[in-house]
């Protein structure tokens, strides 16, 4: 598919539509600003004309809610893109501690203890425990051994329990 050629006509159409949109926004905001400035000027003139007494002059009448919303909407530039939603910061829930135990004859074997012993054996071989990406443990209860495979490197290693 060949890229579309940009001609002088299409380029001017795009920039013209951007200019008219920007001009419309600028015109709307200047009208709102002029209306607000006129109301403030009237309020200041009324306050200056009123006889000075100990009482404060009355505040200018508040705009109805619909007029305020319209003025605020006109003052804000129209944006087609919404801001990305911020991720909620929630308290991280700790995962529950789960213990697995096997009972053989009268002995009780914890999987955490077996895992710790495998890590110790791996470290004694001169490896770093932090480099373990995968650990697979195969329990053989008849032989009372736990065979392990670290990082998909099966070498027939085991520990006895």
N, C-alpha and C. Protein backbone atom coordinates (compact mmCIF):
# COMPACT_ATOMS: atom_id res chain seq x y z
N UNK A 1 0.85 -1.16 0.00
CA UNK A 1 0.00 0.00 0.00
C UNK A 1 0.90 1.23 0.00
N UNK A 2 0.73 2.09 -0.97
CA UNK A 2 1.57 3.28 -1.10
C UNK A 2 1.11 4.35 -0.13
N UNK A 3 2.07 5.10 0.43
CA UNK A 3 1.67 6.17 1.35
C UNK A 3 0.91 7.26 0.60
N UNK A 4 -0.03 7.86 1.26
CA UNK A 4 -0.87 8.89 0.68
C UNK A 4 -0.08 10.18 0.55
N UNK A 5 -0.17 10.79 -0.61
CA UNK A 5 0.55 12.05 -0.83
C UNK A 5 -0.21 13.18 -0.16
N UNK A 6 0.55 14.06 0.44
CA UNK A 6 -0.06 15.23 1.05
C UNK A 6 0.10 16.37 0.06
N UNK A 7 -1.03 16.83 -0.39
CA UNK A 7 -0.99 17.94 -1.34
C UNK A 7 -1.17 19.24 -0.59
N UNK A 8 -1.02 20.31 -1.31
CA UNK A 8 -1.14 21.63 -0.70
C UNK A 8 -2.56 21.84 -0.19
N UNK A 9 -3.56 21.32 -0.93
CA UNK A 9 -4.95 21.51 -0.54
C UNK A 9 -5.26 20.78 0.77
N UNK A 10 -4.82 19.51 0.88
CA UNK A 10 -5.13 18.76 2.11
C UNK A 10 -4.39 19.33 3.30
N UNK A 11 -3.18 19.82 3.08
CA UNK A 11 -2.42 20.41 4.19
C UNK A 11 -3.08 21.68 4.68
N UNK A 12 -3.58 22.51 3.77
CA UNK A 12 -4.22 23.76 4.20
C UNK A 12 -5.55 23.49 4.86
N UNK A 13 -6.28 22.43 4.44
CA UNK A 13 -7.55 22.10 5.08
C UNK A 13 -7.33 21.71 6.53
N UNK A 14 -6.31 20.91 6.77
CA UNK A 14 -6.04 20.47 8.14
C UNK A 14 -5.66 21.65 9.03
N UNK A 15 -4.76 22.50 8.56
CA UNK A 15 -4.34 23.64 9.38
C UNK A 15 -5.47 24.64 9.53
N UNK A 16 -6.31 24.78 8.52
CA UNK A 16 -7.43 25.72 8.61
C UNK A 16 -8.42 25.27 9.66
N UNK A 17 -8.70 23.95 9.71
CA UNK A 17 -9.65 23.47 10.71
C UNK A 17 -9.08 23.61 12.12
N UNK A 18 -7.78 23.43 12.28
CA UNK A 18 -7.16 23.62 13.59
C UNK A 18 -7.24 25.09 13.99
N UNK A 19 -7.00 25.99 13.03
CA UNK A 19 -7.03 27.41 13.34
C UNK A 19 -8.44 27.85 13.72
N UNK A 20 -9.45 27.36 13.02
CA UNK A 20 -10.81 27.77 13.33
C UNK A 20 -11.23 27.25 14.70
N UNK A 21 -10.82 26.05 15.04
CA UNK A 21 -11.14 25.50 16.35
C UNK A 21 -10.48 26.32 17.45
N UNK A 22 -9.20 26.64 17.26
CA UNK A 22 -8.49 27.44 18.25
C UNK A 22 -9.08 28.83 18.34
N UNK A 23 -9.44 29.39 17.22
CA UNK A 23 -10.03 30.73 17.21
C UNK A 23 -11.36 30.73 17.94
N UNK A 24 -12.16 29.69 17.74
CA UNK A 24 -13.46 29.60 18.41
C UNK A 24 -13.28 29.49 19.92
N UNK A 25 -12.30 28.71 20.34
CA UNK A 25 -12.04 28.58 21.78
C UNK A 25 -11.57 29.90 22.37
N UNK A 26 -10.69 30.57 21.66
CA UNK A 26 -10.18 31.84 22.15
C UNK A 26 -11.29 32.87 22.23
N UNK A 27 -12.17 32.88 21.25
CA UNK A 27 -13.29 33.84 21.24
C UNK A 27 -14.24 33.58 22.39
N UNK A 28 -14.54 32.30 22.64
CA UNK A 28 -15.46 31.95 23.73
C UNK A 28 -14.88 32.33 25.08
N UNK A 29 -13.59 32.05 25.26
CA UNK A 29 -12.99 32.39 26.55
C UNK A 29 -12.89 33.90 26.73
N UNK A 30 -12.65 34.67 25.65
CA UNK A 30 -12.58 36.12 25.79
C UNK A 30 -13.95 36.69 26.11
N UNK A 31 -15.04 36.11 25.57
CA UNK A 31 -16.38 36.58 25.88
C UNK A 31 -16.71 36.34 27.35
N UNK A 32 -16.35 35.18 27.85
CA UNK A 32 -16.61 34.86 29.26
C UNK A 32 -15.82 35.80 30.16
N UNK A 33 -14.54 36.00 29.82
CA UNK A 33 -13.71 36.90 30.62
C UNK A 33 -14.26 38.33 30.60
N UNK A 34 -14.76 38.78 29.45
CA UNK A 34 -15.32 40.13 29.34
C UNK A 34 -16.58 40.25 30.18
N UNK A 35 -17.42 39.21 30.18
CA UNK A 35 -18.65 39.25 30.97
C UNK A 35 -18.35 39.29 32.46
N UNK A 36 -17.37 38.50 32.89
CA UNK A 36 -16.98 38.50 34.30
C UNK A 36 -16.41 39.85 34.70
N UNK A 37 -15.57 40.41 33.85
CA UNK A 37 -14.98 41.72 34.14
C UNK A 37 -16.05 42.80 34.22
N UNK A 38 -17.07 42.75 33.36
CA UNK A 38 -18.14 43.74 33.37
C UNK A 38 -18.94 43.64 34.66
N UNK A 39 -19.24 42.41 35.12
CA UNK A 39 -19.98 42.24 36.37
C UNK A 39 -19.18 42.76 37.56
N UNK A 40 -17.87 42.49 37.56
CA UNK A 40 -17.03 42.99 38.65
C UNK A 40 -16.98 44.51 38.64
N UNK A 41 -16.92 45.10 37.47
CA UNK A 41 -16.87 46.56 37.36
C UNK A 41 -18.15 47.17 37.88
N UNK A 42 -19.32 46.56 37.54
CA UNK A 42 -20.60 47.05 38.05
C UNK A 42 -20.66 46.97 39.56
N UNK A 43 -20.16 45.86 40.11
CA UNK A 43 -20.18 45.69 41.56
C UNK A 43 -19.32 46.74 42.24
N UNK A 44 -18.16 47.05 41.66
CA UNK A 44 -17.27 48.06 42.24
C UNK A 44 -17.92 49.43 42.16
N UNK A 45 -18.58 49.75 41.05
CA UNK A 45 -19.26 51.05 40.91
C UNK A 45 -20.39 51.20 41.91
N UNK A 46 -21.17 50.14 42.11
CA UNK A 46 -22.26 50.19 43.08
C UNK A 46 -21.72 50.41 44.48
N UNK A 47 -20.61 49.72 44.79
CA UNK A 47 -20.02 49.87 46.12
C UNK A 47 -19.51 51.29 46.32
N UNK A 48 -18.97 51.92 45.28
CA UNK A 48 -18.46 53.29 45.39
C UNK A 48 -19.59 54.28 45.54
N UNK A 49 -20.75 54.06 44.86
CA UNK A 49 -21.88 54.96 44.93
C UNK A 49 -22.64 54.85 46.25
N UNK A 50 -22.65 53.72 46.84
CA UNK A 50 -23.40 53.49 48.07
C UNK A 50 -22.79 54.31 49.19
N UNK A 51 -23.66 54.86 50.07
CA UNK A 51 -23.13 55.63 51.19
C UNK A 51 -22.32 54.71 52.10
N UNK A 52 -21.23 55.27 52.59
CA UNK A 52 -20.37 54.47 53.45
C UNK A 52 -20.99 54.36 54.83
N UNK A 53 -21.25 53.15 55.24
CA UNK A 53 -21.78 52.88 56.57
C UNK A 53 -20.93 51.79 57.19
N UNK A 54 -21.25 51.47 58.41
CA UNK A 54 -20.49 50.45 59.09
C UNK A 54 -20.81 49.06 58.54
N UNK A 55 -21.94 48.91 57.90
CA UNK A 55 -22.30 47.63 57.34
C UNK A 55 -21.54 47.39 56.04
N UNK A 56 -21.28 46.15 55.77
CA UNK A 56 -20.63 45.80 54.52
C UNK A 56 -21.64 45.87 53.38
N UNK A 57 -21.18 46.26 52.20
CA UNK A 57 -22.11 46.27 51.07
C UNK A 57 -22.47 44.83 50.70
N UNK A 58 -23.62 44.69 50.14
CA UNK A 58 -24.10 43.35 49.78
C UNK A 58 -23.23 42.78 48.67
N UNK A 59 -23.00 41.49 48.76
CA UNK A 59 -22.20 40.81 47.73
C UNK A 59 -23.01 40.76 46.44
N UNK A 60 -22.32 40.76 45.33
CA UNK A 60 -23.07 40.67 44.08
C UNK A 60 -23.88 39.37 44.04
N UNK A 61 -25.01 39.43 43.39
CA UNK A 61 -25.90 38.27 43.33
C UNK A 61 -25.18 37.11 42.68
N UNK A 62 -25.35 35.96 43.28
CA UNK A 62 -24.70 34.76 42.75
C UNK A 62 -25.39 34.32 41.48
N UNK A 63 -24.61 33.79 40.57
CA UNK A 63 -25.17 33.28 39.33
C UNK A 63 -25.93 31.99 39.61
N UNK A 64 -26.97 31.75 38.87
CA UNK A 64 -27.62 30.44 39.00
C UNK A 64 -26.64 29.34 38.59
N UNK A 65 -26.87 28.16 39.08
CA UNK A 65 -25.96 27.05 38.84
C UNK A 65 -25.79 26.75 37.36
N UNK A 66 -26.86 26.88 36.58
CA UNK A 66 -26.76 26.57 35.15
C UNK A 66 -25.87 27.58 34.43
N UNK A 67 -25.94 28.86 34.83
CA UNK A 67 -25.09 29.88 34.20
C UNK A 67 -23.63 29.66 34.58
N UNK A 68 -23.38 29.30 35.84
CA UNK A 68 -22.01 29.04 36.28
C UNK A 68 -21.41 27.88 35.49
N UNK A 69 -22.18 26.81 35.35
CA UNK A 69 -21.69 25.64 34.63
C UNK A 69 -21.40 25.98 33.18
N UNK A 70 -22.28 26.78 32.56
CA UNK A 70 -22.08 27.16 31.17
C UNK A 70 -20.84 28.03 31.02
N UNK A 71 -20.63 28.95 31.97
CA UNK A 71 -19.46 29.81 31.91
C UNK A 71 -18.18 29.01 32.10
N UNK A 72 -18.18 28.08 33.04
CA UNK A 72 -17.00 27.25 33.26
C UNK A 72 -16.71 26.35 32.07
N UNK A 73 -17.78 25.82 31.46
CA UNK A 73 -17.60 24.94 30.32
C UNK A 73 -17.04 25.72 29.13
N UNK A 74 -17.50 26.93 28.94
CA UNK A 74 -17.01 27.74 27.83
C UNK A 74 -15.57 28.18 28.08
N UNK A 75 -15.19 28.36 29.33
CA UNK A 75 -13.84 28.81 29.65
C UNK A 75 -12.82 27.69 29.46
N UNK A 76 -13.24 26.46 29.66
CA UNK A 76 -12.32 25.33 29.52
C UNK A 76 -12.23 24.93 28.05
N UNK A 77 -11.01 24.66 27.58
CA UNK A 77 -10.90 24.20 26.19
C UNK A 77 -11.46 22.79 26.07
N UNK A 78 -12.13 22.53 24.95
CA UNK A 78 -12.70 21.20 24.72
C UNK A 78 -11.58 20.25 24.35
N UNK A 79 -11.49 19.15 25.05
CA UNK A 79 -10.45 18.17 24.78
C UNK A 79 -11.10 16.86 24.39
N UNK A 80 -10.60 16.26 23.33
CA UNK A 80 -11.16 14.99 22.89
C UNK A 80 -10.55 13.83 23.64
N UNK A 81 -9.35 14.01 24.18
CA UNK A 81 -8.69 12.92 24.89
C UNK A 81 -8.87 13.10 26.39
N UNK A 82 -9.21 12.02 27.04
CA UNK A 82 -9.31 12.05 28.50
C UNK A 82 -7.97 11.70 29.09
N UNK A 83 -7.71 12.25 30.25
CA UNK A 83 -6.46 11.94 30.95
C UNK A 83 -6.51 10.48 31.38
N UNK A 84 -5.37 9.79 31.35
CA UNK A 84 -5.39 8.39 31.77
C UNK A 84 -5.72 8.29 33.25
N UNK A 85 -6.46 7.27 33.57
CA UNK A 85 -6.87 7.07 34.96
C UNK A 85 -5.66 6.74 35.81
N UNK A 86 -5.60 7.35 36.97
CA UNK A 86 -4.50 7.08 37.88
C UNK A 86 -4.77 5.76 38.60
N UNK A 87 -3.73 4.95 38.74
CA UNK A 87 -3.96 3.69 39.46
C UNK A 87 -4.24 3.96 40.93
N UNK A 88 -5.15 3.20 41.45
CA UNK A 88 -5.50 3.37 42.86
C UNK A 88 -4.40 2.81 43.73
N UNK A 89 -4.14 3.53 44.77
CA UNK A 89 -3.15 3.04 45.73
C UNK A 89 -3.92 2.34 46.84
N UNK A 90 -3.82 1.04 46.84
CA UNK A 90 -4.48 0.26 47.86
C UNK A 90 -3.42 -0.43 48.71
N UNK A 91 -3.80 -0.71 49.89
CA UNK A 91 -2.87 -1.39 50.77
C UNK A 91 -2.63 -2.80 50.23
N UNK A 92 -1.36 -3.13 50.09
CA UNK A 92 -1.02 -4.45 49.56
C UNK A 92 -1.36 -5.50 50.60
N UNK A 93 -2.15 -6.44 50.17
CA UNK A 93 -2.53 -7.51 51.09
C UNK A 93 -1.46 -8.59 51.03
N UNK A 94 -1.01 -9.00 52.18
CA UNK A 94 0.00 -10.04 52.25
C UNK A 94 -0.65 -11.38 51.96
N UNK A 95 0.05 -12.18 51.18
CA UNK A 95 -0.46 -13.52 50.89
C UNK A 95 -0.39 -14.36 52.15
N UNK A 96 -1.37 -15.19 52.35
CA UNK A 96 -1.34 -16.02 53.56
C UNK A 96 -0.20 -17.03 53.50
N UNK A 97 0.34 -17.31 54.66
CA UNK A 97 1.41 -18.31 54.74
C UNK A 97 0.77 -19.69 54.73
N UNK A 98 1.22 -20.53 53.81
CA UNK A 98 0.66 -21.87 53.66
C UNK A 98 1.76 -22.87 53.97
N UNK A 99 1.47 -23.80 54.82
CA UNK A 99 2.44 -24.84 55.16
C UNK A 99 1.95 -26.18 54.63
N UNK A 100 2.87 -26.90 53.98
CA UNK A 100 2.54 -28.24 53.48
C UNK A 100 3.36 -29.26 54.27
N UNK A 101 2.70 -30.28 54.77
CA UNK A 101 3.36 -31.31 55.55
C UNK A 101 2.98 -32.68 55.01
N UNK A 102 3.98 -33.57 55.00
CA UNK A 102 3.75 -34.96 54.63
C UNK A 102 4.05 -35.81 55.86
N UNK A 103 3.24 -36.80 56.08
CA UNK A 103 3.49 -37.71 57.19
C UNK A 103 3.86 -39.09 56.64
N UNK A 104 5.06 -39.52 57.05
CA UNK A 104 5.54 -40.84 56.65
C UNK A 104 5.85 -41.59 57.93
N UNK A 105 5.23 -42.72 58.10
CA UNK A 105 5.34 -43.50 59.33
C UNK A 105 4.96 -42.59 60.49
N UNK A 106 5.89 -42.25 61.35
CA UNK A 106 5.59 -41.37 62.47
C UNK A 106 6.24 -40.00 62.28
N UNK A 107 6.92 -39.80 61.14
CA UNK A 107 7.62 -38.53 60.89
C UNK A 107 6.73 -37.56 60.12
N UNK A 108 6.97 -36.31 60.41
CA UNK A 108 6.26 -35.26 59.70
C UNK A 108 7.30 -34.42 58.95
N UNK A 109 7.11 -34.27 57.62
CA UNK A 109 8.08 -33.56 56.79
C UNK A 109 7.42 -32.30 56.24
N UNK A 110 8.08 -31.18 56.43
CA UNK A 110 7.57 -29.90 55.94
C UNK A 110 8.21 -29.58 54.59
N UNK A 111 7.42 -29.11 53.66
CA UNK A 111 7.96 -28.75 52.34
C UNK A 111 8.88 -27.55 52.44
N UNK A 112 8.64 -26.70 53.40
CA UNK A 112 9.52 -25.53 53.59
C UNK A 112 10.90 -25.99 54.02
N UNK A 113 10.96 -26.97 54.93
CA UNK A 113 12.25 -27.50 55.36
C UNK A 113 12.98 -28.17 54.20
N UNK A 114 12.25 -28.93 53.38
CA UNK A 114 12.86 -29.59 52.23
C UNK A 114 13.41 -28.54 51.27
N UNK A 115 12.64 -27.50 51.01
CA UNK A 115 13.08 -26.43 50.10
C UNK A 115 14.33 -25.74 50.65
N UNK A 116 14.35 -25.45 51.94
CA UNK A 116 15.53 -24.81 52.54
C UNK A 116 16.76 -25.71 52.43
N UNK A 117 16.58 -27.00 52.62
CA UNK A 117 17.71 -27.92 52.50
C UNK A 117 18.21 -28.00 51.05
N UNK A 118 17.31 -27.92 50.09
CA UNK A 118 17.71 -27.91 48.67
C UNK A 118 18.51 -26.64 48.37
N UNK A 119 18.06 -25.50 48.88
CA UNK A 119 18.80 -24.25 48.67
C UNK A 119 20.20 -24.34 49.28
N UNK A 120 20.29 -24.92 50.47
CA UNK A 120 21.59 -25.06 51.12
C UNK A 120 22.51 -25.97 50.31
N UNK A 121 21.98 -27.07 49.79
CA UNK A 121 22.79 -27.99 48.97
C UNK A 121 23.25 -27.30 47.68
N UNK A 122 22.38 -26.52 47.09
CA UNK A 122 22.71 -25.80 45.85
C UNK A 122 23.82 -24.77 46.12
N UNK A 123 23.72 -24.11 47.27
CA UNK A 123 24.73 -23.10 47.63
C UNK A 123 26.08 -23.77 47.92
N UNK A 124 26.07 -24.95 48.55
CA UNK A 124 27.31 -25.68 48.83
C UNK A 124 28.03 -26.09 47.55
N UNK A 125 27.28 -26.27 46.47
CA UNK A 125 27.88 -26.62 45.19
C UNK A 125 28.57 -25.41 44.54
N UNK A 126 28.43 -24.25 45.12
CA UNK A 126 29.07 -23.04 44.60
C UNK A 126 28.16 -22.16 43.77
N UNK A 127 26.88 -22.42 43.79
CA UNK A 127 25.93 -21.62 43.02
C UNK A 127 25.33 -20.52 43.90
N UNK A 128 24.70 -19.53 43.24
CA UNK A 128 24.01 -18.48 43.99
C UNK A 128 22.52 -18.80 44.00
N UNK A 129 21.94 -18.78 45.18
CA UNK A 129 20.53 -19.11 45.34
C UNK A 129 19.66 -18.08 44.62
N UNK A 130 20.11 -16.83 44.52
CA UNK A 130 19.33 -15.79 43.87
C UNK A 130 19.15 -16.00 42.38
N UNK A 131 19.93 -16.88 41.79
CA UNK A 131 19.83 -17.14 40.35
C UNK A 131 18.87 -18.28 40.01
N UNK A 132 18.23 -18.82 41.01
CA UNK A 132 17.26 -19.89 40.77
C UNK A 132 15.99 -19.26 40.19
N UNK A 133 15.62 -19.71 39.00
CA UNK A 133 14.40 -19.23 38.36
C UNK A 133 13.27 -20.23 38.52
N UNK A 134 13.60 -21.52 38.39
CA UNK A 134 12.59 -22.56 38.57
C UNK A 134 13.15 -23.65 39.47
N UNK A 135 12.29 -24.20 40.29
CA UNK A 135 12.67 -25.29 41.18
C UNK A 135 11.52 -26.30 41.16
N UNK A 136 11.83 -27.51 40.71
CA UNK A 136 10.85 -28.60 40.70
C UNK A 136 11.31 -29.66 41.69
N UNK A 137 10.41 -30.08 42.56
CA UNK A 137 10.74 -31.07 43.59
C UNK A 137 9.86 -32.30 43.38
N UNK A 138 10.49 -33.46 43.36
CA UNK A 138 9.78 -34.73 43.21
C UNK A 138 10.05 -35.57 44.46
N UNK A 139 8.98 -35.88 45.20
CA UNK A 139 9.11 -36.64 46.45
C UNK A 139 8.97 -38.13 46.16
N UNK A 140 9.92 -38.91 46.67
CA UNK A 140 9.84 -40.36 46.60
C UNK A 140 9.82 -40.86 48.04
N UNK A 141 8.63 -41.24 48.51
CA UNK A 141 8.47 -41.60 49.90
C UNK A 141 9.04 -42.99 50.22
N UNK A 142 9.08 -43.85 49.22
CA UNK A 142 9.63 -45.18 49.46
C UNK A 142 11.12 -45.11 49.75
N UNK A 143 11.82 -44.23 49.02
CA UNK A 143 13.26 -44.07 49.22
C UNK A 143 13.58 -42.97 50.24
N UNK A 144 12.56 -42.24 50.66
CA UNK A 144 12.71 -41.09 51.58
C UNK A 144 13.69 -40.06 51.00
N UNK A 145 13.46 -39.71 49.73
CA UNK A 145 14.30 -38.74 49.03
C UNK A 145 13.41 -37.72 48.33
N UNK A 146 13.99 -36.53 48.16
CA UNK A 146 13.35 -35.49 47.37
C UNK A 146 14.31 -35.13 46.24
N UNK A 147 13.95 -35.51 45.03
CA UNK A 147 14.77 -35.19 43.86
C UNK A 147 14.39 -33.79 43.39
N UNK A 148 15.40 -33.02 42.95
CA UNK A 148 15.09 -31.65 42.53
C UNK A 148 15.76 -31.32 41.21
N UNK A 149 15.09 -30.43 40.48
CA UNK A 149 15.57 -29.91 39.19
C UNK A 149 15.54 -28.39 39.31
N UNK A 150 16.73 -27.79 39.14
CA UNK A 150 16.84 -26.34 39.24
C UNK A 150 17.12 -25.77 37.85
N UNK A 151 16.34 -24.79 37.46
CA UNK A 151 16.47 -24.11 36.16
C UNK A 151 16.49 -25.10 35.00
N UNK A 152 15.63 -26.08 35.05
CA UNK A 152 15.47 -27.10 34.00
C UNK A 152 16.76 -27.87 33.73
N UNK A 153 17.61 -28.01 34.74
CA UNK A 153 18.86 -28.75 34.61
C UNK A 153 18.75 -30.01 35.47
N UNK A 154 18.28 -31.09 34.87
CA UNK A 154 18.08 -32.34 35.60
C UNK A 154 19.40 -33.11 35.68
N UNK A 155 19.93 -33.27 36.87
CA UNK A 155 21.20 -33.98 37.04
C UNK A 155 21.06 -35.14 38.04
N UNK A 156 19.84 -35.49 38.41
CA UNK A 156 19.64 -36.58 39.34
C UNK A 156 20.03 -36.23 40.76
N UNK A 157 19.96 -34.97 41.13
CA UNK A 157 20.32 -34.54 42.49
C UNK A 157 19.14 -34.75 43.42
N UNK A 158 19.45 -35.05 44.68
CA UNK A 158 18.41 -35.30 45.65
C UNK A 158 18.93 -34.97 47.05
N UNK A 159 17.97 -34.86 47.96
CA UNK A 159 18.29 -34.78 49.39
C UNK A 159 17.47 -35.86 50.07
N UNK A 160 17.96 -36.31 51.20
CA UNK A 160 17.23 -37.32 51.96
C UNK A 160 16.49 -36.65 53.11
N UNK A 161 15.33 -37.17 53.39
CA UNK A 161 14.58 -36.63 54.53
C UNK A 161 14.21 -37.71 55.50
